[in-house]
Every structure is written in C-alpha cells, then in structure tokens.
Amino acid sequence: MNELLRLARSFRCDPADSRQAFAHRLRIGLAIAALILILSLLR
C-alpha cells in the first residue's frame, strides 16, 4: 500500500497553468483506463 501511495504522489502535478494540469490529469486517466482495459482483456 505504501508503494501505491508513493506512486500516486509521484504522479501528482500542481502547475500554475490550469491547462497544463488538465492535460496531465487526462494523460494519467488515459493510462489508467488503458491498464484496466488490458487487464480485463487478459482475464
């Protein structure tokens, strides 16, 4: 669990530009969605 929290903190991004923050969150969300899709296809 500690490694998961550390990984989540490393993904955290707080730039001053809200557009850059949105793009970062979008990339992270797409990566997580792709991971879930791959795991569901492997089942």
Protein backbone atom coordinates (compact mmCIF):
# COMPACT_ATOMS: atom_id res chain seq x y z
CA MET A 1 0.00 0.00 0.00
CA ASN A 2 2.86 2.38 0.78
CA GLU A 3 4.33 1.87 -2.69
CA LEU A 4 0.95 2.66 -4.24
CA LEU A 5 0.69 5.91 -2.26
CA ARG A 6 4.23 6.86 -3.21
CA LEU A 7 3.42 6.19 -6.88
CA ALA A 8 0.28 8.34 -6.62
CA ARG A 9 2.31 11.18 -5.10
CA SER A 10 4.85 10.97 -7.91
CA PHE A 11 2.03 11.34 -10.48
CA ARG A 12 0.68 14.39 -8.70
CA CYS A 13 1.26 17.58 -10.63
CA ASP A 14 0.34 21.09 -9.48
CA PRO A 15 1.42 23.51 -12.19
CA ALA A 16 0.21 27.09 -12.14
CA ASP A 17 -1.27 26.72 -15.63
CA SER A 18 -4.69 25.05 -15.38
CA ARG A 19 -4.48 23.85 -18.99
CA GLN A 20 -1.25 22.02 -18.26
CA ALA A 21 -2.79 20.46 -15.14
CA PHE A 22 -5.79 19.28 -17.17
CA ALA A 23 -3.56 17.74 -19.82
CA HIS A 24 -1.57 15.94 -17.12
CA ARG A 25 -4.73 14.55 -15.49
CA LEU A 26 -6.04 13.48 -18.88
CA ARG A 27 -2.83 11.57 -19.65
CA ILE A 28 -2.92 9.84 -16.25
CA GLY A 29 -6.60 8.96 -16.69
CA LEU A 30 -6.00 7.50 -20.15
CA ALA A 31 -3.06 5.46 -18.85
CA ILE A 32 -5.20 4.03 -16.05
CA ALA A 33 -8.08 3.31 -18.45
CA ALA A 34 -5.69 1.50 -20.81
CA LEU A 35 -4.32 -0.54 -17.92
CA ILE A 36 -7.83 -1.55 -16.84
CA LEU A 37 -8.72 -2.47 -20.43
CA ILE A 38 -5.60 -4.61 -20.83
CA LEU A 39 -6.20 -6.38 -17.52
CA SER A 40 -9.84 -7.06 -18.40
CA LEU A 41 -8.86 -8.48 -21.81
CA LEU A 42 -6.31 -10.80 -20.22
CA ARG A 43 -8.93 -12.38 -17.96
